[in-house]
C-alpha atoms as a PDB file:
ATOM      1  CA  MET A   1     130.486  41.239  49.030  1.00  0.00           C
ATOM      2  CA  LYS A   2     126.881  41.477  50.165  1.00  0.00           C
ATOM      3  CA  ILE A   3     125.757  39.758  53.367  1.00  0.00           C
ATOM      4  CA  ASP A   4     122.052  39.143  53.882  1.00  0.00           C
ATOM      5  CA  VAL A   5     120.313  37.433  56.797  1.00  0.00           C
ATOM      6  CA  ARG A   6     116.922  35.747  56.752  1.00  0.00           C
ATOM      7  CA  PHE A   7     115.188  35.196  60.074  1.00  0.00           C
ATOM      8  CA  ASP A   8     112.210  33.227  58.720  1.00  0.00           C
ATOM      9  CA  PRO A   9     113.244  30.397  56.381  1.00  0.00           C
ATOM     10  CA  PHE A  10     109.721  29.020  56.152  1.00  0.00           C
ATOM     11  CA  GLU A  11     108.880  31.744  53.636  1.00  0.00           C
ATOM     12  CA  LEU A  12     111.849  30.867  51.427  1.00  0.00           C
ATOM     13  CA  ASP A  13     111.380  29.002  48.174  1.00  0.00           C
ATOM     14  CA  GLU A  14     113.823  26.397  46.853  1.00  0.00           C
ATOM     15  CA  LEU A  15     114.104  28.213  43.525  1.00  0.00           C
ATOM     16  CA  GLU A  16     114.912  31.458  45.337  1.00  0.00           C
ATOM     17  CA  LEU A  17     117.899  29.738  46.954  1.00  0.00           C
ATOM     18  CA  ARG A  18     119.223  28.038  43.827  1.00  0.00           C
ATOM     19  CA  GLY A  19     122.797  29.048  42.993  1.00  0.00           C
ATOM     20  CA  LYS A  20     123.328  31.136  46.128  1.00  0.00           C
ATOM     21  CA  ASN A  21     126.066  30.916  48.744  1.00  0.00           C
ATOM     22  CA  ILE A  22     124.380  29.938  51.992  1.00  0.00           C
ATOM     23  CA  ILE A  23     125.166  29.356  55.649  1.00  0.00           C
ATOM     24  CA  VAL A  24     122.405  27.503  57.516  1.00  0.00           C
ATOM     25  CA  ILE A  25     122.292  28.269  61.236  1.00  0.00           C
ATOM     26  CA  ASP A  26     120.373  26.247  63.812  1.00  0.00           C
ATOM     27  CA  VAL A  27     122.248  26.696  67.074  1.00  0.00           C
ATOM     28  CA  LEU A  28     119.749  24.707  69.181  1.00  0.00           C
ATOM     29  CA  ARG A  29     120.494  22.189  67.948  1.00  0.00           C
ATOM     30  CA  SER A  30     120.833  20.871  64.410  1.00  0.00           C
ATOM     31  CA  SER A  31     123.902  22.858  63.317  1.00  0.00           C
ATOM     32  CA  THR A  32     125.708  22.054  66.547  1.00  0.00           C
ATOM     33  CA  THR A  33     124.807  18.374  66.428  1.00  0.00           C
ATOM     34  CA  ILE A  34     125.771  17.922  62.757  1.00  0.00           C
ATOM     35  CA  THR A  35     129.140  19.576  63.347  1.00  0.00           C
ATOM     36  CA  ILE A  36     129.876  17.352  66.333  1.00  0.00           C
ATOM     37  CA  ALA A  37     128.632  14.177  64.604  1.00  0.00           C
ATOM     38  CA  LEU A  38     130.930  14.728  61.622  1.00  0.00           C
ATOM     39  CA  ASN A  39     133.821  15.682  63.889  1.00  0.00           C
ATOM     40  CA  ASN A  40     133.270  12.369  65.690  1.00  0.00           C
ATOM     41  CA  GLY A  41     133.590  10.378  62.499  1.00  0.00           C
ATOM     42  CA  ALA A  42     130.119  10.186  60.951  1.00  0.00           C
ATOM     43  CA  ARG A  43     130.546   9.510  57.232  1.00  0.00           C
ATOM     44  CA  GLU A  44     127.786  11.862  56.091  1.00  0.00           C
ATOM     45  CA  ILE A  45     124.557  13.555  57.100  1.00  0.00           C
ATOM     46  CA  ILE A  46     121.525  13.348  54.802  1.00  0.00           C
ATOM     47  CA  PRO A  47     119.106  16.168  55.685  1.00  0.00           C
ATOM     48  CA  VAL A  48     115.430  15.552  54.929  1.00  0.00           C
ATOM     49  CA  GLU A  49     112.349  17.685  55.419  1.00  0.00           C
ATOM     50  CA  SER A  50     109.920  15.066  56.715  1.00  0.00           C
ATOM     51  CA  ILE A  51     109.728  11.879  58.741  1.00  0.00           C
ATOM     52  CA  GLU A  52     108.156  10.134  55.752  1.00  0.00           C
ATOM     53  CA  ASN A  53     111.179  10.935  53.576  1.00  0.00           C
ATOM     54  CA  ALA A  54     113.554   9.786  56.316  1.00  0.00           C
ATOM     55  CA  VAL A  55     111.822   6.404  56.450  1.00  0.00           C
ATOM     56  CA  LYS A  56     111.725   6.120  52.648  1.00  0.00           C
ATOM     57  CA  ILE A  57     115.427   6.920  52.219  1.00  0.00           C
ATOM     58  CA  SER A  58     116.532   4.635  55.035  1.00  0.00           C
ATOM     59  CA  GLY A  59     114.701   1.749  53.391  1.00  0.00           C
ATOM     60  CA  SER A  60     116.966   2.017  50.358  1.00  0.00           C
ATOM     61  CA  LEU A  61     120.232   2.112  52.328  1.00  0.00           C
ATOM     62  CA  PHE A  62     122.199  -0.554  54.196  1.00  0.00           C
ATOM     63  CA  GLY A  63     120.779  -0.768  57.693  1.00  0.00           C
ATOM     64  CA  ASP A  64     124.008  -1.653  59.463  1.00  0.00           C
ATOM     65  CA  VAL A  65     125.744   1.540  58.322  1.00  0.00           C
ATOM     66  CA  THR A  66     122.765   3.883  58.421  1.00  0.00           C
ATOM     67  CA  LEU A  67     121.223   5.642  61.399  1.00  0.00           C
ATOM     68  CA  ARG A  68     118.139   7.814  61.631  1.00  0.00           C
ATOM     69  CA  GLY A  69     118.501  10.887  63.806  1.00  0.00           C
ATOM     70  CA  GLY A  70     116.203  13.764  64.598  1.00  0.00           C
ATOM     71  CA  GLU A  71     113.437  15.177  66.710  1.00  0.00           C
ATOM     72  CA  ARG A  72     109.946  16.513  66.926  1.00  0.00           C
ATOM     73  CA  ASN A  73     109.221  18.979  69.720  1.00  0.00           C
ATOM     74  CA  GLY A  74     112.799  18.477  70.920  1.00  0.00           C
ATOM     75  CA  LYS A  75     112.400  14.737  71.537  1.00  0.00           C
ATOM     76  CA  MET A  76     113.602  11.702  69.597  1.00  0.00           C
ATOM     77  CA  ILE A  77     111.232  10.546  66.867  1.00  0.00           C
ATOM     78  CA  GLN A  78     109.693   7.140  67.536  1.00  0.00           C
ATOM     79  CA  GLY A  79     111.570   4.439  65.649  1.00  0.00           C
ATOM     80  CA  PHE A  80     114.706   6.556  65.170  1.00  0.00           C
ATOM     81  CA  ASN A  81     118.133   5.606  66.510  1.00  0.00           C
ATOM     82  CA  LEU A  82     119.104   9.055  67.773  1.00  0.00           C
ATOM     83  CA  GLY A  83     117.521  12.327  68.784  1.00  0.00           C
ATOM     84  CA  ASN A  84     118.989  15.783  68.240  1.00  0.00           C
ATOM     85  CA  SER A  85     121.290  16.004  71.260  1.00  0.00           C
ATOM     86  CA  PRO A  86     124.980  16.414  70.399  1.00  0.00           C
ATOM     87  CA  LEU A  87     125.769  14.201  73.390  1.00  0.00           C
ATOM     88  CA  GLU A  88     124.199  11.231  71.597  1.00  0.00           C
ATOM     89  CA  TYR A  89     126.487  11.487  68.573  1.00  0.00           C
ATOM     90  CA  THR A  90     129.578   9.962  70.146  1.00  0.00           C
ATOM     91  CA  GLU A  91     132.414   8.474  68.122  1.00  0.00           C
ATOM     92  CA  SER A  92     131.488   4.954  69.163  1.00  0.00           C
ATOM     93  CA  THR A  93     127.941   5.507  67.910  1.00  0.00           C
ATOM     94  CA  VAL A  94     128.418   7.423  64.657  1.00  0.00           C
ATOM     95  CA  LYS A  95     131.893   6.614  63.284  1.00  0.00           C
ATOM     96  CA  GLY A  96     131.634   5.473  59.677  1.00  0.00           C
ATOM     97  CA  LYS A  97     127.836   5.806  59.646  1.00  0.00           C
ATOM     98  CA  SER A  98     125.502   7.654  57.309  1.00  0.00           C
ATOM     99  CA  ILE A  99     122.883   9.562  59.290  1.00  0.00           C
ATOM    100  CA  ILE A 100     119.501  10.447  57.844  1.00  0.00           C
ATOM    101  CA  PHE A 101     118.663  13.626  59.723  1.00  0.00           C
ATOM    102  CA  CYS A 102     115.179  15.034  60.246  1.00  0.00           C
ATOM    103  CA  THR A 103     114.484  17.936  62.607  1.00  0.00           C
ATOM    104  CA  THR A 104     111.745  20.494  63.020  1.00  0.00           C
ATOM    105  CA  ASN A 105     113.761  23.462  61.771  1.00  0.00           C
ATOM    106  CA  GLY A 106     117.395  22.892  60.799  1.00  0.00           C
ATOM    107  CA  SER A 107     117.101  19.967  58.387  1.00  0.00           C
ATOM    108  CA  VAL A 108     114.179  21.678  56.649  1.00  0.00           C
ATOM    109  CA  ALA A 109     116.294  24.775  55.943  1.00  0.00           C
ATOM    110  CA  MET A 110     119.175  22.583  54.730  1.00  0.00           C
ATOM    111  CA  TYR A 111     116.895  20.570  52.465  1.00  0.00           C
ATOM    112  CA  LYS A 112     115.398  23.729  50.973  1.00  0.00           C
ATOM    113  CA  SER A 113     118.923  25.003  50.276  1.00  0.00           C
ATOM    114  CA  ARG A 114     120.150  21.833  48.561  1.00  0.00           C
ATOM    115  CA  PHE A 115     120.537  23.570  45.184  1.00  0.00           C
ATOM    116  CA  ALA A 116     122.830  26.273  46.572  1.00  0.00           C
ATOM    117  CA  GLN A 117     126.133  26.925  44.852  1.00  0.00           C
ATOM    118  CA  ASN A 118     127.906  26.669  48.209  1.00  0.00           C
ATOM    119  CA  LEU A 119     126.306  25.636  51.488  1.00  0.00           C
ATOM    120  CA  ALA A 120     127.910  25.258  54.896  1.00  0.00           C
ATOM    121  CA  VAL A 121     126.426  24.532  58.294  1.00  0.00           C
ATOM    122  CA  GLY A 122     127.249  27.194  60.880  1.00  0.00           C
ATOM    123  CA  SER A 123     126.982  27.574  64.647  1.00  0.00           C
ATOM    124  CA  PHE A 124     128.955  28.992  67.536  1.00  0.00           C
ATOM    125  CA  VAL A 125     130.983  25.795  67.879  1.00  0.00           C
ATOM    126  CA  ASN A 126     132.582  26.192  64.422  1.00  0.00           C
ATOM    127  CA  MET A 127     132.386  29.971  64.054  1.00  0.00           C
ATOM    128  CA  SER A 128     135.943  30.658  62.831  1.00  0.00           C
ATOM    129  CA  ARG A 129     135.789  27.959  60.148  1.00  0.00           C
ATOM    130  CA  VAL A 130     132.577  29.469  58.816  1.00  0.00           C
ATOM    131  CA  ILE A 131     134.141  32.942  58.689  1.00  0.00           C
ATOM    132  CA  GLU A 132     137.187  31.557  56.861  1.00  0.00           C
ATOM    133  CA  PHE A 133     134.906  29.840  54.350  1.00  0.00           C
ATOM    134  CA  ILE A 134     132.896  32.982  53.615  1.00  0.00           C
ATOM    135  CA  ARG A 135     136.075  35.008  53.119  1.00  0.00           C
ATOM    136  CA  GLU A 136     137.546  32.307  50.901  1.00  0.00           C
ATOM    137  CA  VAL A 137     134.505  32.214  48.613  1.00  0.00           C
ATOM    138  CA  GLY A 138     134.570  36.019  48.577  1.00  0.00           C
ATOM    139  CA  SER A 139     131.119  36.476  47.084  1.00  0.00           C
ATOM    140  CA  ASP A 140     127.616  37.361  48.299  1.00  0.00           C
ATOM    141  CA  PHE A 141     126.290  35.195  51.126  1.00  0.00           C
ATOM    142  CA  LEU A 142     122.878  34.529  52.612  1.00  0.00           C
ATOM    143  CA  LEU A 143     122.834  33.537  56.285  1.00  0.00           C
ATOM    144  CA  ILE A 144     119.664  31.552  56.978  1.00  0.00           C
ATOM    145  CA  CYS A 145     118.502  31.393  60.588  1.00  0.00           C
ATOM    146  CA  SER A 146     116.454  28.214  60.903  1.00  0.00           C
ATOM    147  CA  GLY A 147     114.087  29.822  63.392  1.00  0.00           C
ATOM    148  CA  ARG A 148     111.273  28.077  65.228  1.00  0.00           C
ATOM    149  CA  ALA A 149     108.442  26.415  63.365  1.00  0.00           C
ATOM    150  CA  ASN A 150     105.009  26.672  64.951  1.00  0.00           C
ATOM    151  CA  SER A 151     105.929  29.773  66.938  1.00  0.00           C
ATOM    152  CA  PHE A 152     104.112  33.057  66.338  1.00  0.00           C
ATOM    153  CA  SER A 153     106.985  34.816  64.561  1.00  0.00           C
ATOM    154  CA  ASN A 154     109.250  31.868  63.588  1.00  0.00           C
ATOM    155  CA  PHE A 155     112.078  34.014  65.016  1.00  0.00           C
ATOM    156  CA  SER A 156     114.969  32.507  66.995  1.00  0.00           C
ATOM    157  CA  LEU A 157     117.154  34.874  69.005  1.00  0.00           C
ATOM    158  CA  GLU A 158     120.063  32.446  69.365  1.00  0.00           C
ATOM    159  CA  ASP A 159     120.242  31.946  65.588  1.00  0.00           C
ATOM    160  CA  ALA A 160     120.058  35.695  64.962  1.00  0.00           C
ATOM    161  CA  VAL A 161     122.855  36.378  67.465  1.00  0.00           C
ATOM    162  CA  CYS A 162     124.983  33.677  65.826  1.00  0.00           C
ATOM    163  CA  ALA A 163     124.434  35.300  62.422  1.00  0.00           C
ATOM    164  CA  GLY A 164     125.318  38.620  64.030  1.00  0.00           C
ATOM    165  CA  MET A 165     128.637  37.242  65.281  1.00  0.00           C
ATOM    166  CA  MET A 166     129.439  36.147  61.736  1.00  0.00           C
ATOM    167  CA  VAL A 167     128.546  39.588  60.380  1.00  0.00           C
ATOM    168  CA  GLN A 168     130.573  41.310  63.092  1.00  0.00           C
ATOM    169  CA  SER A 169     133.615  39.105  62.425  1.00  0.00           C
ATOM    170  CA  LEU A 170     133.423  39.714  58.691  1.00  0.00           C
ATOM    171  CA  ALA A 171     132.981  43.461  59.153  1.00  0.00           C
ATOM    172  CA  GLY A 172     135.970  43.624  61.478  1.00  0.00           C
ATOM    173  CA  GLY A 173     138.375  41.753  59.253  1.00  0.00           C
ATOM    174  CA  LYS A 174     140.311  42.405  56.098  1.00  0.00           C
ATOM    175  CA  GLY A 175     139.050  41.514  52.667  1.00  0.00           C
ATOM    176  CA  SER A 176     136.377  42.640  50.263  1.00  0.00           C
ATOM    177  CA  PRO A 177     134.272  45.626  51.355  1.00  0.00           C
ATOM    178  CA  LEU A 178     130.972  44.480  52.840  1.00  0.00           C
ATOM    179  CA  GLU A 179     127.480  45.546  51.909  1.00  0.00           C
ATOM    180  CA  LEU A 180     125.146  44.694  54.775  1.00  0.00           C
ATOM    181  CA  THR A 181     121.385  44.477  54.351  1.00  0.00           C
ATOM    182  CA  ASP A 182     119.071  45.823  57.042  1.00  0.00           C
ATOM    183  CA  SER A 183     118.601  42.314  58.430  1.00  0.00           C
ATOM    184  CA  ALA A 184     122.369  41.799  58.567  1.00  0.00           C
ATOM    185  CA  LEU A 185     122.733  45.079  60.462  1.00  0.00           C
ATOM    186  CA  ALA A 186     119.953  43.997  62.817  1.00  0.00           C
ATOM    187  CA  SER A 187     121.681  40.682  63.556  1.00  0.00           C
ATOM    188  CA  GLN A 188     124.935  42.543  64.183  1.00  0.00           C
ATOM    189  CA  ALA A 189     123.157  44.799  66.672  1.00  0.00           C
ATOM    190  CA  LEU A 190     121.658  41.775  68.438  1.00  0.00           C
ATOM    191  CA  HIS A 191     125.100  40.232  68.765  1.00  0.00           C
ATOM    192  CA  LYS A 192     126.472  43.434  70.286  1.00  0.00           C
ATOM    193  CA  THR A 193     123.655  43.344  72.845  1.00  0.00           C
ATOM    194  CA  TYR A 194     123.619  39.631  73.707  1.00  0.00           C
ATOM    195  CA  GLY A 195     127.001  38.316  72.595  1.00  0.00           C
ATOM    196  CA  ARG A 196     128.858  38.940  75.852  1.00  0.00           C
ATOM    197  CA  SER A 197     127.201  35.988  77.575  1.00  0.00           C
ATOM    198  CA  LEU A 198     126.023  33.450  75.042  1.00  0.00           C
ATOM    199  CA  LEU A 199     125.039  30.843  77.610  1.00  0.00           C
ATOM    200  CA  LYS A 200     122.921  33.289  79.581  1.00  0.00           C
ATOM    201  CA  MET A 201     121.247  34.483  76.391  1.00  0.00           C
ATOM    202  CA  MET A 202     120.542  30.964  75.150  1.00  0.00           C
ATOM    203  CA  LYS A 203     119.167  29.735  78.476  1.00  0.00           C
ATOM    204  CA  ASN A 204     116.642  32.570  78.373  1.00  0.00           C
ATOM    205  CA  THR A 205     115.394  32.219  74.800  1.00  0.00           C
ATOM    206  CA  ASP A 206     112.091  30.497  74.117  1.00  0.00           C
ATOM    207  CA  HIS A 207     113.729  27.333  72.833  1.00  0.00           C
ATOM    208  CA  GLY A 208     116.478  27.425  75.452  1.00  0.00           C
ATOM    209  CA  ARG A 209     113.908  27.474  78.236  1.00  0.00           C
ATOM    210  CA  TYR A 210     111.986  24.648  76.604  1.00  0.00           C
ATOM    211  CA  LEU A 211     115.075  22.469  76.179  1.00  0.00           C
ATOM    212  CA  THR A 212     116.000  23.076  79.809  1.00  0.00           C
ATOM    213  CA  GLU A 213     112.512  22.022  80.907  1.00  0.00           C
ATOM    214  CA  ILE A 214     112.752  18.705  79.028  1.00  0.00           C
ATOM    215  CA  GLY A 215     116.248  17.917  80.323  1.00  0.00           C
ATOM    216  CA  PHE A 216     118.691  19.229  77.708  1.00  0.00           C
ATOM    217  CA  LEU A 217     120.540  21.973  79.592  1.00  0.00           C
ATOM    218  CA  GLU A 218     123.891  20.316  78.819  1.00  0.00           C
ATOM    219  CA  ASP A 219     123.134  20.640  75.102  1.00  0.00           C
ATOM    220  CA  ILE A 220     122.755  24.397  75.540  1.00  0.00           C
ATOM    221  CA  LYS A 221     126.103  24.589  77.324  1.00  0.00           C
ATOM    222  CA  ILE A 222     127.776  22.751  74.441  1.00  0.00           C
ATOM    223  CA  ALA A 223     126.069  24.930  71.827  1.00  0.00           C
ATOM    224  CA  ALA A 224     127.205  28.119  73.592  1.00  0.00           C
ATOM    225  CA  THR A 225     130.928  27.347  73.268  1.00  0.00           C
ATOM    226  CA  VAL A 226     132.745  29.216  70.490  1.00  0.00           C
ATOM    227  CA  ASP A 227     135.160  27.326  68.206  1.00  0.00           C
ATOM    228  CA  SER A 228     135.095  24.130  70.254  1.00  0.00           C
ATOM    229  CA  TYR A 229     134.762  22.075  67.042  1.00  0.00           C
ATOM    230  CA  PRO A 230     136.773  23.864  64.307  1.00  0.00           C
ATOM    231  CA  VAL A 231     135.469  21.883  61.343  1.00  0.00           C
ATOM    232  CA  LEU A 232     133.203  22.809  58.440  1.00  0.00           C
ATOM    233  CA  PRO A 233     130.220  20.710  57.323  1.00  0.00           C
ATOM    234  CA  VAL A 234     129.437  21.415  53.665  1.00  0.00           C
ATOM    235  CA  LEU A 235     126.729  20.182  51.335  1.00  0.00           C
ATOM    236  CA  GLY A 236     127.572  18.279  48.179  1.00  0.00           C
ATOM    237  CA  GLY A 237     125.377  15.916  46.205  1.00  0.00           C
ATOM    238  CA  ASN A 238     122.494  16.256  48.705  1.00  0.00           C
ATOM    239  CA  VAL A 239     124.645  15.059  51.603  1.00  0.00           C
ATOM    240  CA  ILE A 240     126.625  16.976  54.214  1.00  0.00           C
ATOM    241  CA  LYS A 241     130.223  15.968  54.875  1.00  0.00           C
ATOM    242  CA  LEU A 242     133.263  17.548  56.436  1.00  0.00           C
ATOM    243  CA  ARG A 243     135.155  19.740  54.048  1.00  0.00           C
ATOM    244  CA  ARG A 244     138.096  17.688  52.839  1.00  0.00           C
ATOM    245  CA  ASP A 245     140.745  19.828  54.545  1.00  0.00           C
ATOM    246  CA  ASP A 246     138.895  19.228  57.827  1.00  0.00           C
ATOM    247  CA  SER A 247     139.218  15.447  57.568  1.00  0.00           C
ATOM    248  CA  ARG A 248     140.016  13.694  60.788  1.00  0.00           C
ATOM    249  CA  PRO A 249     143.675  13.114  61.711  1.00  0.00           C
ATOM    250  CA  GLY A 250     144.899   9.732  60.519  1.00  0.00           C
ATOM    251  CA  GLU A 251     142.389   9.419  57.701  1.00  0.00           C
ATOM    252  CA  THR A 252     144.012   7.831  54.694  1.00  0.00           C
ATOM    253  CA  GLU A 253     144.327   9.546  51.377  1.00  0.00           C
ATOM    254  CA  SER A 254     142.289   6.786  49.768  1.00  0.00           C
ATOM    255  CA  ALA A 255     139.503   7.362  52.273  1.00  0.00           C
ATOM    256  CA  LYS A 256     139.579  11.067  51.523  1.00  0.00           C
ATOM    257  CA  ALA A 257     139.402  10.407  47.806  1.00  0.00           C
ATOM    258  CA  GLY A 258     136.352   8.241  48.313  1.00  0.00           C
ATOM    259  CA  SER A 259     134.509  10.799  50.425  1.00  0.00           C
END
C-alpha cells in the first residue's frame, strides 16, 4: 500500500484525482467542522468551490431544510446562514439539514476530488476512524492537505502534521507493508517534531494566529483534540454523509436506508 501526501492541492487537476482513494485534510477548519456537523445530525454536506455555485445550488433546493455555510478570510460569507466555526453547527441548528458548504480551502479540495473512488474527510478529531478506513480499503491512498490559498507557498503546517499522524499510525500498525513517498516521510517527520503539543503548534501556525486574532481561539482548541468525534464523513454522489456504520444512535433502519 502506497501512501502519498500532497501539500498544495491548488496544483491538482480533477482528472488526476479520478479513481483514487483520497483523504482530504483541512484541520482549521473545514474537516473539523464537517465532522462535527454530521455528528450533530446534519443530513449531508454539499461541498462547492465557489460562492456563485453555492447560491445556484441553494436556489434549486428546499429553503427550509437547506443551509449555506462557509467563509472567506475566516469570516462568514454575506447572506450565508453559518460560517466555518464548529461551534455554530450545533444539533439544534443543523439536525436534518442539508448544508451547502463553501470555504477558501477545504471545500475546494473536496470538490476537486469528487470523482475519487473513495473519499473521506480527515482531521485530528476523527483520526482513528480515518486510520481504520484506510486499513479497511487496503489500497494506495493520497492524503490531500488543503493548505492556504493566497499564501506564498500554499503550505499549511497543521494539515501536514495531521497527515503525518495518519502516516505514523499506519506505519506503526499491522497490515499491508507501506510504501511512503518523500512527501509522506516529510509529513511523518513533521508530526514527530510538532505532534507532542498539537494546540501549541496550531496556535502558532499562520492560520492559527490569524484565527486567534479574529476571535476563533476556541475553534483551534476543538480542532486540536484527537478522536473527540469518532465518526467518518465520506463522499458519495457529490455529497458528504456519515458512513452508515457511524449513524447516530437511535436512527431507524428506514432512515439509514434512505441516506
